[in-house]
Amino acid sequence: MGKNHELNEFERRKIIGLQIGGKTHEAINRILKILKSTVTDTISRYNNFNTGLTAKRNERPCSINNDNRHKLSKIVKKNNWLSLDEIQQNFNNS
């Protein structure tokens, strides 16, 4: 399994099922060929939160708000021939 592969629900259930069946973390690691740390994290999440799922990931926050985005859009549409430095100066002055 690759480093960036995220477990699907079926794989998580297999880990939890093997753990409930009495298998050790090392045994689950060998049987499913999943990293021991991933097995441990999945089992810990199941024991603590009654689910093997990971927490939802939030998107990266926007660097500018909607008002500033609107101002920038107006500047670019009005003066689309300006360089980036000139657009930045106009934006900062407004």
C-alpha atoms as a PDB file:
ATOM      1  CA  MET A   1       0.000   0.000   0.000  1.00  0.00           C
ATOM      2  CA  GLY A   2       1.291   3.471  -0.886  1.00  0.00           C
ATOM      3  CA  LYS A   3       2.095   6.127   1.672  1.00  0.00           C
ATOM      4  CA  ASN A   4      -0.735   8.459   0.690  1.00  0.00           C
ATOM      5  CA  HIS A   5      -3.449   5.798   0.407  1.00  0.00           C
ATOM      6  CA  GLU A   6      -6.392   6.446   2.686  1.00  0.00           C
ATOM      7  CA  LEU A   7      -8.296   3.430   3.953  1.00  0.00           C
ATOM      8  CA  ASN A   8     -11.816   2.944   2.703  1.00  0.00           C
ATOM      9  CA  GLU A   9     -14.638   1.876   5.009  1.00  0.00           C
ATOM     10  CA  PHE A  10     -14.287  -1.813   4.096  1.00  0.00           C
ATOM     11  CA  GLU A  11     -10.592  -1.850   5.020  1.00  0.00           C
ATOM     12  CA  ARG A  12     -11.327  -0.115   8.341  1.00  0.00           C
ATOM     13  CA  ARG A  13     -14.021  -2.669   9.135  1.00  0.00           C
ATOM     14  CA  LYS A  14     -11.604  -5.515   8.384  1.00  0.00           C
ATOM     15  CA  ILE A  15      -9.104  -4.034  10.867  1.00  0.00           C
ATOM     16  CA  ILE A  16     -11.761  -3.606  13.549  1.00  0.00           C
ATOM     17  CA  GLY A  17     -13.181  -7.076  12.894  1.00  0.00           C
ATOM     18  CA  LEU A  18      -9.772  -8.723  13.225  1.00  0.00           C
ATOM     19  CA  GLN A  19      -9.129  -6.789  16.435  1.00  0.00           C
ATOM     20  CA  ILE A  20     -12.496  -7.864  17.876  1.00  0.00           C
ATOM     21  CA  GLY A  21     -11.599 -11.401  16.821  1.00  0.00           C
ATOM     22  CA  GLY A  22      -8.554 -11.274  19.086  1.00  0.00           C
ATOM     23  CA  LYS A  23      -5.748 -10.555  16.621  1.00  0.00           C
ATOM     24  CA  THR A  24      -2.838  -8.367  17.715  1.00  0.00           C
ATOM     25  CA  HIS A  25      -1.829  -5.197  15.902  1.00  0.00           C
ATOM     26  CA  GLU A  26       1.198  -6.998  14.471  1.00  0.00           C
ATOM     27  CA  ALA A  27      -0.949  -9.868  13.203  1.00  0.00           C
ATOM     28  CA  ILE A  28      -3.390  -7.465  11.544  1.00  0.00           C
ATOM     29  CA  ASN A  29      -0.420  -5.671   9.991  1.00  0.00           C
ATOM     30  CA  ARG A  30       0.871  -8.932   8.496  1.00  0.00           C
ATOM     31  CA  ILE A  31      -2.533 -10.205   7.338  1.00  0.00           C
ATOM     32  CA  LEU A  32      -3.757  -7.015   5.649  1.00  0.00           C
ATOM     33  CA  LYS A  33      -0.324  -5.571   4.719  1.00  0.00           C
ATOM     34  CA  ILE A  34      -1.267  -2.232   6.271  1.00  0.00           C
ATOM     35  CA  LEU A  35       1.189  -0.176   8.313  1.00  0.00           C
ATOM     36  CA  LYS A  36       1.121  -0.941  12.024  1.00  0.00           C
ATOM     37  CA  SER A  37       0.670   2.757  12.835  1.00  0.00           C
ATOM     38  CA  THR A  38      -2.422   2.879  10.597  1.00  0.00           C
ATOM     39  CA  VAL A  39      -3.819  -0.223  12.308  1.00  0.00           C
ATOM     40  CA  THR A  40      -3.143   1.282  15.741  1.00  0.00           C
ATOM     41  CA  ASP A  41      -4.715   4.640  14.797  1.00  0.00           C
ATOM     42  CA  THR A  42      -7.821   2.972  13.347  1.00  0.00           C
ATOM     43  CA  ILE A  43      -8.313   0.793  16.427  1.00  0.00           C
ATOM     44  CA  SER A  44      -7.733   3.761  18.764  1.00  0.00           C
ATOM     45  CA  ARG A  45     -10.290   5.838  16.855  1.00  0.00           C
ATOM     46  CA  TYR A  46     -12.770   2.970  17.075  1.00  0.00           C
ATOM     47  CA  ASN A  47     -12.216   2.551  20.831  1.00  0.00           C
ATOM     48  CA  ASN A  48     -12.398   6.287  21.595  1.00  0.00           C
ATOM     49  CA  PHE A  49     -15.163   7.445  19.262  1.00  0.00           C
ATOM     50  CA  ASN A  50     -16.950   4.190  18.321  1.00  0.00           C
ATOM     51  CA  THR A  51     -15.987   4.768  14.689  1.00  0.00           C
ATOM     52  CA  GLY A  52     -12.905   3.978  12.657  1.00  0.00           C
ATOM     53  CA  LEU A  53     -13.365   7.028  10.472  1.00  0.00           C
ATOM     54  CA  THR A  54     -10.937   9.923  10.323  1.00  0.00           C
ATOM     55  CA  ALA A  55     -12.048  13.464  11.098  1.00  0.00           C
ATOM     56  CA  LYS A  56     -13.373  15.554   8.236  1.00  0.00           C
ATOM     57  CA  ARG A  57     -10.739  17.764   6.646  1.00  0.00           C
ATOM     58  CA  ASN A  58     -11.554  21.429   6.214  1.00  0.00           C
ATOM     59  CA  GLU A  59     -10.636  23.306   3.099  1.00  0.00           C
ATOM     60  CA  ARG A  60      -7.902  25.880   3.184  1.00  0.00           C
ATOM     61  CA  PRO A  61      -9.318  29.282   4.234  1.00  0.00           C
ATOM     62  CA  CYS A  62      -9.472  32.030   1.614  1.00  0.00           C
ATOM     63  CA  SER A  63      -6.741  34.648   1.777  1.00  0.00           C
ATOM     64  CA  ILE A  64      -9.140  37.506   0.970  1.00  0.00           C
ATOM     65  CA  ASN A  65     -12.780  38.024   1.844  1.00  0.00           C
ATOM     66  CA  ASN A  66     -15.624  38.517  -0.661  1.00  0.00           C
ATOM     67  CA  ASP A  67     -15.542  42.322  -0.484  1.00  0.00           C
ATOM     68  CA  ASN A  68     -11.849  42.429  -1.317  1.00  0.00           C
ATOM     69  CA  ARG A  69     -12.316  39.841  -4.043  1.00  0.00           C
ATOM     70  CA  HIS A  70     -15.029  42.027  -5.582  1.00  0.00           C
ATOM     71  CA  LYS A  71     -12.771  45.116  -5.429  1.00  0.00           C
ATOM     72  CA  LEU A  72      -9.911  43.213  -7.064  1.00  0.00           C
ATOM     73  CA  SER A  73     -12.213  41.916  -9.788  1.00  0.00           C
ATOM     74  CA  LYS A  74     -13.425  45.438 -10.578  1.00  0.00           C
ATOM     75  CA  ILE A  75      -9.848  46.759 -10.795  1.00  0.00           C
ATOM     76  CA  VAL A  76      -8.772  43.974 -13.144  1.00  0.00           C
ATOM     77  CA  LYS A  77     -11.852  44.286 -15.374  1.00  0.00           C
ATOM     78  CA  LYS A  78     -11.537  48.053 -15.610  1.00  0.00           C
ATOM     79  CA  ASN A  79      -7.767  48.085 -16.277  1.00  0.00           C
ATOM     80  CA  ASN A  80      -6.882  44.681 -17.685  1.00  0.00           C
ATOM     81  CA  TRP A  81      -3.649  45.941 -19.245  1.00  0.00           C
ATOM     82  CA  LEU A  82      -2.045  46.868 -15.909  1.00  0.00           C
ATOM     83  CA  SER A  83       0.930  44.980 -14.529  1.00  0.00           C
ATOM     84  CA  LEU A  84       0.659  43.013 -11.321  1.00  0.00           C
ATOM     85  CA  ASP A  85       2.472  45.714  -9.357  1.00  0.00           C
ATOM     86  CA  GLU A  86       0.073  48.388 -10.601  1.00  0.00           C
ATOM     87  CA  ILE A  87      -2.946  46.207  -9.797  1.00  0.00           C
ATOM     88  CA  GLN A  88      -1.558  45.624  -6.300  1.00  0.00           C
ATOM     89  CA  GLN A  89      -1.038  49.387  -5.789  1.00  0.00           C
ATOM     90  CA  ASN A  90      -4.588  50.130  -6.948  1.00  0.00           C
ATOM     91  CA  PHE A  91      -5.964  47.421  -4.686  1.00  0.00           C
ATOM     92  CA  ASN A  92      -4.044  48.676  -1.647  1.00  0.00           C
ATOM     93  CA  ASN A  93      -5.130  52.281  -2.331  1.00  0.00           C
ATOM     94  CA  SER A  94      -8.809  51.394  -2.596  1.00  0.00           C
END
